[in-house]
Amino acid sequence: MSFRASVTSLPSDKANKEIEVLVRQKGNDICSECSQPDPSWASLEYGVFICVHCSGIFRIMPNPHLRAIRLEDWDEDKVQILKDNGNIKVNAVYEKEVPDIWVKPSPDSSLLFREQWIFAKYQRKEFTEARNALPSYLTGQKSAMLFKLKKQGDKWQPRWFVLDKGILSMFISKEDRAPRHEIPVVQINVAINGNFGRLNAMQLITRVDGKTRNMFVYAESGRVCMLCALFTHGLWCISNCTFLYFIV
């Protein structure tokens, strides 16, 4: 879904003044993605006002059509795109059904987290409606041995993880028949390369009985991080963020 319109008019002082009025309106006066006050960029592709940090993420998406609000001259057609849309209207569409496990970025969020949010929101349209079917990256069985941090202390214990039909299961050992934990992947959020004392580490965050639960795991291998690709939906892989090399 794109909010772009044809742009044919010439720049004018009137348009420059109108864009200043628009960016001060409620909803437009903060970044549509992280709520940073006083956004300095606009995306004509989606009709939203964004901060300089989020604009860098938009720039790597197809056809971003970005414009600096105060460093470029505006014309009536470009301004009209933002008049017709704006942050509140666009977010009502693209954030209609945000799962509870997703937390919208804040001004202090990392670029990686902003990137995950923006690509999920606009490229894959994951929040436009409730998802009933599993996306393709959650299909097929994958498994690997990981090391899990105990709830108390600093001991890491080997555990066998299996991803199958959208469920991430943890077994005490590879030979066990019954898993110790089963978590639907759609209920998991992820922090990559946190301060866990391990290079190839990841924090899994979910909610159980209304309470937030954290699981810290790492992989010994520094090979391609398949679970990182899973949670970033196959869009990219960050160097040294290896979490899990699935043996298919």
C-alpha atoms as a PDB file:
ATOM      1  CA  MET A   1       0.000   0.000   0.000  1.00  0.00           C
ATOM      2  CA  SER A   2       1.552   3.281  -1.080  1.00  0.00           C
ATOM      3  CA  PHE A   3       0.314   6.793  -0.549  1.00  0.00           C
ATOM      4  CA  ARG A   4       2.409   8.296  -3.349  1.00  0.00           C
ATOM      5  CA  ALA A   5       0.833  10.671  -5.839  1.00  0.00           C
ATOM      6  CA  SER A   6       2.042  12.170  -9.094  1.00  0.00           C
ATOM      7  CA  VAL A   7       4.276  15.184  -8.539  1.00  0.00           C
ATOM      8  CA  THR A   8       4.201  17.825 -11.260  1.00  0.00           C
ATOM      9  CA  SER A   9       3.929  21.267  -9.631  1.00  0.00           C
ATOM     10  CA  LEU A  10       6.784  23.723  -9.096  1.00  0.00           C
ATOM     11  CA  PRO A  11       8.311  24.710  -5.735  1.00  0.00           C
ATOM     12  CA  SER A  12       6.730  27.726  -4.044  1.00  0.00           C
ATOM     13  CA  ASP A  13       6.971  29.793  -0.864  1.00  0.00           C
ATOM     14  CA  LYS A  14       3.364  28.878  -0.111  1.00  0.00           C
ATOM     15  CA  ALA A  15       4.198  25.164  -0.168  1.00  0.00           C
ATOM     16  CA  ASN A  16       7.225  25.700   2.087  1.00  0.00           C
ATOM     17  CA  LYS A  17       5.027  27.486   4.621  1.00  0.00           C
ATOM     18  CA  GLU A  18       2.338  24.799   4.409  1.00  0.00           C
ATOM     19  CA  ILE A  19       4.801  22.012   5.151  1.00  0.00           C
ATOM     20  CA  GLU A  20       5.895  23.894   8.280  1.00  0.00           C
ATOM     21  CA  VAL A  21       2.276  24.073   9.413  1.00  0.00           C
ATOM     22  CA  LEU A  22       1.743  20.356   8.700  1.00  0.00           C
ATOM     23  CA  VAL A  23       4.785  19.189  10.668  1.00  0.00           C
ATOM     24  CA  ARG A  24       3.539  21.097  13.734  1.00  0.00           C
ATOM     25  CA  GLN A  25       0.117  19.435  13.701  1.00  0.00           C
ATOM     26  CA  LYS A  26      -0.696  16.874  16.375  1.00  0.00           C
ATOM     27  CA  GLY A  27       0.641  13.477  15.355  1.00  0.00           C
ATOM     28  CA  ASN A  28       2.918  14.945  12.711  1.00  0.00           C
ATOM     29  CA  ASP A  29       4.979  16.764  15.338  1.00  0.00           C
ATOM     30  CA  ILE A  30       6.653  13.494  16.373  1.00  0.00           C
ATOM     31  CA  CYS A  31       8.320  10.762  14.326  1.00  0.00           C
ATOM     32  CA  SER A  32       5.729   8.274  13.100  1.00  0.00           C
ATOM     33  CA  GLU A  33       8.012   5.367  14.073  1.00  0.00           C
ATOM     34  CA  CYS A  34       9.789   6.270  17.335  1.00  0.00           C
ATOM     35  CA  SER A  35       7.899   9.383  18.570  1.00  0.00           C
ATOM     36  CA  GLN A  36      11.009  11.574  18.522  1.00  0.00           C
ATOM     37  CA  PRO A  37       9.783  15.201  18.683  1.00  0.00           C
ATOM     38  CA  ASP A  38      10.291  17.634  15.793  1.00  0.00           C
ATOM     39  CA  PRO A  39      10.786  15.267  12.812  1.00  0.00           C
ATOM     40  CA  SER A  40      13.088  16.601  10.113  1.00  0.00           C
ATOM     41  CA  TRP A  41      12.217  14.276   7.215  1.00  0.00           C
ATOM     42  CA  ALA A  42       9.122  13.115   5.356  1.00  0.00           C
ATOM     43  CA  SER A  43       8.454   9.996   3.298  1.00  0.00           C
ATOM     44  CA  LEU A  44       6.341  10.726   0.229  1.00  0.00           C
ATOM     45  CA  GLU A  45       6.008   6.979  -0.373  1.00  0.00           C
ATOM     46  CA  TYR A  46       4.048   6.520   2.847  1.00  0.00           C
ATOM     47  CA  GLY A  47       2.974  10.073   3.664  1.00  0.00           C
ATOM     48  CA  VAL A  48       4.580  10.295   7.112  1.00  0.00           C
ATOM     49  CA  PHE A  49       6.907  12.576   9.033  1.00  0.00           C
ATOM     50  CA  ILE A  50       9.996  10.887  10.526  1.00  0.00           C
ATOM     51  CA  CYS A  51      13.162  11.693  12.465  1.00  0.00           C
ATOM     52  CA  VAL A  52      16.664  11.638  11.009  1.00  0.00           C
ATOM     53  CA  HIS A  53      17.462   8.243  12.601  1.00  0.00           C
ATOM     54  CA  CYS A  54      14.379   6.501  11.188  1.00  0.00           C
ATOM     55  CA  SER A  55      14.916   8.215   7.833  1.00  0.00           C
ATOM     56  CA  GLY A  56      18.100   6.168   7.482  1.00  0.00           C
ATOM     57  CA  ILE A  57      16.018   2.982   7.710  1.00  0.00           C
ATOM     58  CA  PHE A  58      13.468   4.258   5.188  1.00  0.00           C
ATOM     59  CA  ARG A  59      16.349   5.071   2.848  1.00  0.00           C
ATOM     60  CA  ILE A  60      17.265   1.399   2.422  1.00  0.00           C
ATOM     61  CA  MET A  61      13.699   0.396   1.518  1.00  0.00           C
ATOM     62  CA  PRO A  62      12.536   0.403  -2.121  1.00  0.00           C
ATOM     63  CA  ASN A  63      11.351   3.810  -3.381  1.00  0.00           C
ATOM     64  CA  PRO A  64      11.630   5.721  -0.103  1.00  0.00           C
ATOM     65  CA  HIS A  65      10.990   9.158  -1.721  1.00  0.00           C
ATOM     66  CA  LEU A  66      12.409  11.039   1.248  1.00  0.00           C
ATOM     67  CA  ARG A  67      12.560  14.807   1.544  1.00  0.00           C
ATOM     68  CA  ALA A  68      14.134  17.025   4.179  1.00  0.00           C
ATOM     69  CA  ILE A  69      11.435  19.239   5.644  1.00  0.00           C
ATOM     70  CA  ARG A  70      13.530  22.389   6.026  1.00  0.00           C
ATOM     71  CA  LEU A  71      16.492  21.841   3.700  1.00  0.00           C
ATOM     72  CA  GLU A  72      14.570  21.455   0.438  1.00  0.00           C
ATOM     73  CA  ASP A  73      11.970  23.483  -1.429  1.00  0.00           C
ATOM     74  CA  TRP A  74       8.476  22.026  -1.523  1.00  0.00           C
ATOM     75  CA  ASP A  75       5.761  22.176  -4.155  1.00  0.00           C
ATOM     76  CA  GLU A  76       1.994  21.862  -3.836  1.00  0.00           C
ATOM     77  CA  ASP A  77       1.775  18.281  -5.077  1.00  0.00           C
ATOM     78  CA  LYS A  78       4.305  16.973  -2.540  1.00  0.00           C
ATOM     79  CA  VAL A  79       2.650  18.889   0.277  1.00  0.00           C
ATOM     80  CA  GLN A  80      -0.733  17.496  -0.780  1.00  0.00           C
ATOM     81  CA  ILE A  81       0.521  13.928  -0.280  1.00  0.00           C
ATOM     82  CA  LEU A  82       1.233  14.728   3.352  1.00  0.00           C
ATOM     83  CA  LYS A  83      -2.020  16.666   3.745  1.00  0.00           C
ATOM     84  CA  ASP A  84      -3.966  13.644   2.487  1.00  0.00           C
ATOM     85  CA  ASN A  85      -2.139  11.280   4.832  1.00  0.00           C
ATOM     86  CA  GLY A  86       0.036  12.213   7.801  1.00  0.00           C
ATOM     87  CA  ASN A  87       1.202  10.171  10.774  1.00  0.00           C
ATOM     88  CA  ILE A  88      -2.125   9.560  12.498  1.00  0.00           C
ATOM     89  CA  LYS A  89      -3.956   8.404   9.373  1.00  0.00           C
ATOM     90  CA  VAL A  90      -1.124   6.233   8.098  1.00  0.00           C
ATOM     91  CA  ASN A  91      -0.478   4.603  11.475  1.00  0.00           C
ATOM     92  CA  ALA A  92      -4.176   3.780  11.770  1.00  0.00           C
ATOM     93  CA  VAL A  93      -3.647   1.561   8.707  1.00  0.00           C
ATOM     94  CA  TYR A  94      -0.139   0.175   9.213  1.00  0.00           C
ATOM     95  CA  GLU A  95      -0.436  -0.264  12.997  1.00  0.00           C
ATOM     96  CA  LYS A  96      -4.027  -1.497  13.080  1.00  0.00           C
ATOM     97  CA  GLU A  97      -3.210  -4.884  14.639  1.00  0.00           C
ATOM     98  CA  VAL A  98       0.166  -4.706  16.401  1.00  0.00           C
ATOM     99  CA  PRO A  99       0.757  -7.952  18.380  1.00  0.00           C
ATOM    100  CA  ASP A 100       1.222  -7.521  22.131  1.00  0.00           C
ATOM    101  CA  ILE A 101       4.771  -8.848  21.929  1.00  0.00           C
ATOM    102  CA  TRP A 102       5.844  -5.992  19.643  1.00  0.00           C
ATOM    103  CA  VAL A 103       6.968  -2.821  21.371  1.00  0.00           C
ATOM    104  CA  LYS A 104       7.049   0.306  19.208  1.00  0.00           C
ATOM    105  CA  PRO A 105      10.498   1.946  19.054  1.00  0.00           C
ATOM    106  CA  SER A 106      11.261   4.935  21.251  1.00  0.00           C
ATOM    107  CA  PRO A 107      13.715   7.798  20.614  1.00  0.00           C
ATOM    108  CA  ASP A 108      16.350   5.751  22.492  1.00  0.00           C
ATOM    109  CA  SER A 109      15.859   2.545  20.489  1.00  0.00           C
ATOM    110  CA  SER A 110      18.753   1.029  18.561  1.00  0.00           C
ATOM    111  CA  LEU A 111      18.929   1.243  14.786  1.00  0.00           C
ATOM    112  CA  LEU A 112      18.523  -2.538  14.582  1.00  0.00           C
ATOM    113  CA  PHE A 113      15.269  -2.457  16.523  1.00  0.00           C
ATOM    114  CA  ARG A 114      13.978   0.462  14.412  1.00  0.00           C
ATOM    115  CA  GLU A 115      14.901  -1.494  11.289  1.00  0.00           C
ATOM    116  CA  GLN A 116      13.010  -4.588  12.462  1.00  0.00           C
ATOM    117  CA  TRP A 117       9.925  -2.481  13.245  1.00  0.00           C
ATOM    118  CA  ILE A 118       9.919  -0.418  10.040  1.00  0.00           C
ATOM    119  CA  PHE A 119      10.420  -3.400   7.719  1.00  0.00           C
ATOM    120  CA  ALA A 120       7.741  -5.408   9.552  1.00  0.00           C
ATOM    121  CA  LYS A 121       5.340  -2.469   9.430  1.00  0.00           C
ATOM    122  CA  TYR A 122       5.740  -1.269   5.850  1.00  0.00           C
ATOM    123  CA  GLN A 123       7.459  -3.958   3.782  1.00  0.00           C
ATOM    124  CA  ARG A 124       5.704  -7.016   5.189  1.00  0.00           C
ATOM    125  CA  LYS A 125       2.586  -5.187   6.475  1.00  0.00           C
ATOM    126  CA  GLU A 126       2.545  -7.428   9.552  1.00  0.00           C
ATOM    127  CA  PHE A 127       0.437  -5.037  11.618  1.00  0.00           C
ATOM    128  CA  THR A 128      -2.316  -4.176   9.146  1.00  0.00           C
ATOM    129  CA  GLU A 129      -4.539  -7.065  10.254  1.00  0.00           C
ATOM    130  CA  ALA A 130      -4.551 -10.068  12.550  1.00  0.00           C
ATOM    131  CA  ARG A 131      -2.390 -12.866  11.141  1.00  0.00           C
ATOM    132  CA  ASN A 132      -4.069 -16.263  10.977  1.00  0.00           C
ATOM    133  CA  ALA A 133      -1.594 -18.134   8.782  1.00  0.00           C
ATOM    134  CA  LEU A 134       2.073 -18.663   9.551  1.00  0.00           C
ATOM    135  CA  PRO A 135       4.461 -16.711   7.307  1.00  0.00           C
ATOM    136  CA  SER A 136       6.864 -18.739   5.173  1.00  0.00           C
ATOM    137  CA  TYR A 137       9.880 -18.132   7.435  1.00  0.00           C
ATOM    138  CA  LEU A 138       8.151 -20.037  10.260  1.00  0.00           C
ATOM    139  CA  THR A 139       7.531 -23.221   8.282  1.00  0.00           C
ATOM    140  CA  GLY A 140       9.706 -26.334   8.228  1.00  0.00           C
ATOM    141  CA  GLN A 141      11.490 -27.977  11.173  1.00  0.00           C
ATOM    142  CA  LYS A 142      14.864 -26.624  12.303  1.00  0.00           C
ATOM    143  CA  SER A 143      16.941 -27.610  15.322  1.00  0.00           C
ATOM    144  CA  ALA A 144      20.244 -26.917  17.084  1.00  0.00           C
ATOM    145  CA  MET A 145      22.073 -27.131  20.391  1.00  0.00           C
ATOM    146  CA  LEU A 146      22.231 -23.827  22.310  1.00  0.00           C
ATOM    147  CA  PHE A 147      23.539 -22.788  25.691  1.00  0.00           C
ATOM    148  CA  LYS A 148      20.947 -21.287  28.044  1.00  0.00           C
ATOM    149  CA  LEU A 149      21.731 -19.105  31.036  1.00  0.00           C
ATOM    150  CA  LYS A 150      20.319 -20.405  34.332  1.00  0.00           C
ATOM    151  CA  LYS A 151      17.745 -18.206  36.062  1.00  0.00           C
ATOM    152  CA  GLN A 152      20.139 -17.690  38.940  1.00  0.00           C
ATOM    153  CA  GLY A 153      23.901 -17.522  38.663  1.00  0.00           C
ATOM    154  CA  ASP A 154      26.110 -17.305  35.609  1.00  0.00           C
ATOM    155  CA  LYS A 155      26.144 -20.921  34.452  1.00  0.00           C
ATOM    156  CA  TRP A 156      25.290 -21.694  30.807  1.00  0.00           C
ATOM    157  CA  GLN A 157      23.707 -25.105  30.210  1.00  0.00           C
ATOM    158  CA  PRO A 158      23.371 -26.938  26.866  1.00  0.00           C
ATOM    159  CA  ARG A 159      19.792 -27.278  25.664  1.00  0.00           C
ATOM    160  CA  TRP A 160      18.280 -28.701  22.475  1.00  0.00           C
ATOM    161  CA  PHE A 161      16.003 -26.265  20.624  1.00  0.00           C
ATOM    162  CA  VAL A 162      13.522 -27.226  17.912  1.00  0.00           C
ATOM    163  CA  LEU A 163      11.514 -24.871  15.737  1.00  0.00           C
ATOM    164  CA  ASP A 164       8.535 -26.581  14.125  1.00  0.00           C
ATOM    165  CA  LYS A 165       5.199 -25.234  12.877  1.00  0.00           C
ATOM    166  CA  GLY A 166       5.720 -21.858  14.489  1.00  0.00           C
ATOM    167  CA  ILE A 167       6.564 -23.298  17.937  1.00  0.00           C
ATOM    168  CA  LEU A 168      10.006 -22.948  19.536  1.00  0.00           C
ATOM    169  CA  SER A 169      10.542 -25.921  21.880  1.00  0.00           C
ATOM    170  CA  MET A 170      13.364 -26.358  24.371  1.00  0.00           C
ATOM    171  CA  PHE A 171      14.483 -29.835  25.455  1.00  0.00           C
ATOM    172  CA  ILE A 172      16.884 -30.599  28.305  1.00  0.00           C
ATOM    173  CA  SER A 173      18.716 -32.969  25.948  1.00  0.00           C
ATOM    174  CA  LYS A 174      18.432 -34.062  22.339  1.00  0.00           C
ATOM    175  CA  GLU A 175      17.194 -37.488  23.468  1.00  0.00           C
ATOM    176  CA  ASP A 176      14.204 -36.159  25.452  1.00  0.00           C
ATOM    177  CA  ARG A 177      10.761 -36.767  24.019  1.00  0.00           C
ATOM    178  CA  ALA A 178       8.893 -34.027  25.874  1.00  0.00           C
ATOM    179  CA  PRO A 179      10.008 -30.380  25.737  1.00  0.00           C
ATOM    180  CA  ARG A 180      10.616 -28.371  28.896  1.00  0.00           C
ATOM    181  CA  HIS A 181       9.209 -25.220  27.284  1.00  0.00           C
ATOM    182  CA  GLU A 182       7.096 -24.483  24.217  1.00  0.00           C
ATOM    183  CA  ILE A 183       6.679 -20.902  22.975  1.00  0.00           C
ATOM    184  CA  PRO A 184       4.814 -19.740  19.849  1.00  0.00           C
ATOM    185  CA  VAL A 185       7.312 -17.719  17.818  1.00  0.00           C
ATOM    186  CA  VAL A 186       4.738 -15.002  17.181  1.00  0.00           C
ATOM    187  CA  GLN A 187       4.804 -14.343  20.943  1.00  0.00           C
ATOM    188  CA  ILE A 188       8.586 -13.854  21.089  1.00  0.00           C
ATOM    189  CA  ASN A 189      10.517 -10.621  20.794  1.00  0.00           C
ATOM    190  CA  VAL A 190      14.287 -10.587  20.521  1.00  0.00           C
ATOM    191  CA  ALA A 191      17.256  -8.516  21.668  1.00  0.00           C
ATOM    192  CA  ILE A 192      20.410  -9.312  19.713  1.00  0.00           C
ATOM    193  CA  ASN A 193      23.934  -9.042  21.113  1.00  0.00           C
ATOM    194  CA  GLY A 194      22.954  -7.629  24.465  1.00  0.00           C
ATOM    195  CA  ASN A 195      25.398  -7.363  27.341  1.00  0.00           C
ATOM    196  CA  PHE A 196      25.394 -11.094  28.042  1.00  0.00           C
ATOM    197  CA  GLY A 197      29.145 -11.730  27.979  1.00  0.00           C
ATOM    198  CA  ARG A 198      28.835 -13.822  24.803  1.00  0.00           C
ATOM    199  CA  LEU A 199      29.321 -12.804  21.187  1.00  0.00           C
ATOM    200  CA  ASN A 200      26.701 -15.102  19.671  1.00  0.00           C
ATOM    201  CA  ALA A 201      23.972 -14.339  22.185  1.00  0.00           C
ATOM    202  CA  MET A 202      20.320 -13.435  22.047  1.00  0.00           C
ATOM    203  CA  GLN A 203      17.651 -12.575  24.589  1.00  0.00           C
ATOM    204  CA  LEU A 204      14.210 -14.065  23.973  1.00  0.00           C
ATOM    205  CA  ILE A 205      11.386 -12.060  25.528  1.00  0.00           C
ATOM    206  CA  THR A 206       7.845 -13.368  25.900  1.00  0.00           C
ATOM    207  CA  ARG A 207       4.878 -13.148  28.264  1.00  0.00           C
ATOM    208  CA  VAL A 208       3.613 -16.008  30.408  1.00  0.00           C
ATOM    209  CA  ASP A 209       0.518 -15.606  32.588  1.00  0.00           C
ATOM    210  CA  GLY A 210       0.680 -11.864  32.114  1.00  0.00           C
ATOM    211  CA  LYS A 211       4.332 -11.607  33.203  1.00  0.00           C
ATOM    212  CA  THR A 212       7.385 -10.873  31.066  1.00  0.00           C
ATOM    213  CA  ARG A 213       9.826 -13.778  30.833  1.00  0.00           C
ATOM    214  CA  ASN A 214      13.404 -13.620  29.547  1.00  0.00           C
ATOM    215  CA  MET A 215      15.556 -16.420  28.179  1.00  0.00           C
ATOM    216  CA  PHE A 216      19.245 -15.824  27.434  1.00  0.00           C
ATOM    217  CA  VAL A 217      20.905 -18.174  24.956  1.00  0.00           C
ATOM    218  CA  TYR A 218      23.986 -18.334  22.768  1.00  0.00           C
ATOM    219  CA  ALA A 219      25.486 -20.569  20.093  1.00  0.00           C
ATOM    220  CA  GLU A 220      29.117 -21.685  20.012  1.00  0.00           C
ATOM    221  CA  SER A 221      29.252 -21.430  16.245  1.00  0.00           C
ATOM    222  CA  GLY A 222      29.812 -18.091  14.542  1.00  0.00           C
ATOM    223  CA  ARG A 223      28.202 -19.295  11.337  1.00  0.00           C
ATOM    224  CA  VAL A 224      25.222 -17.699   9.605  1.00  0.00           C
ATOM    225  CA  CYS A 225      22.619 -16.856  12.237  1.00  0.00           C
ATOM    226  CA  MET A 226      19.441 -18.567  11.169  1.00  0.00           C
ATOM    227  CA  LEU A 227      17.334 -17.554  14.167  1.00  0.00           C
ATOM    228  CA  CYS A 228      18.498 -13.984  13.713  1.00  0.00           C
ATOM    229  CA  ALA A 229      17.298 -14.344  10.130  1.00  0.00           C
ATOM    230  CA  LEU A 230      14.087 -15.852  11.464  1.00  0.00           C
ATOM    231  CA  PHE A 231      13.284 -12.951  13.730  1.00  0.00           C
ATOM    232  CA  THR A 232      14.390 -10.371  11.205  1.00  0.00           C
ATOM    233  CA  HIS A 233      12.395 -12.352   8.635  1.00  0.00           C
ATOM    234  CA  GLY A 234      15.270 -13.183   6.314  1.00  0.00           C
ATOM    235  CA  LEU A 235      15.978  -9.559   5.416  1.00  0.00           C
ATOM    236  CA  TRP A 236      19.517  -9.306   6.718  1.00  0.00           C
ATOM    237  CA  CYS A 237      22.132 -10.855   8.978  1.00  0.00           C
ATOM    238  CA  ILE A 238      24.312  -8.784  11.282  1.00  0.00           C
ATOM    239  CA  SER A 239      27.983  -9.706  11.632  1.00  0.00           C
ATOM    240  CA  ASN A 240      28.718 -11.359  14.984  1.00  0.00           C
ATOM    241  CA  CYS A 241      25.064 -11.532  16.007  1.00  0.00           C
ATOM    242  CA  THR A 242      24.966 -15.280  15.399  1.00  0.00           C
ATOM    243  CA  PHE A 243      22.430 -16.919  17.639  1.00  0.00           C
ATOM    244  CA  LEU A 244      21.456 -20.174  16.098  1.00  0.00           C
ATOM    245  CA  TYR A 245      22.653 -22.151  13.120  1.00  0.00           C
ATOM    246  CA  PHE A 246      19.710 -24.396  12.310  1.00  0.00           C
ATOM    247  CA  ILE A 247      20.624 -27.806  10.989  1.00  0.00           C
ATOM    248  CA  VAL A 248      17.967 -28.498   8.387  1.00  0.00           C
END
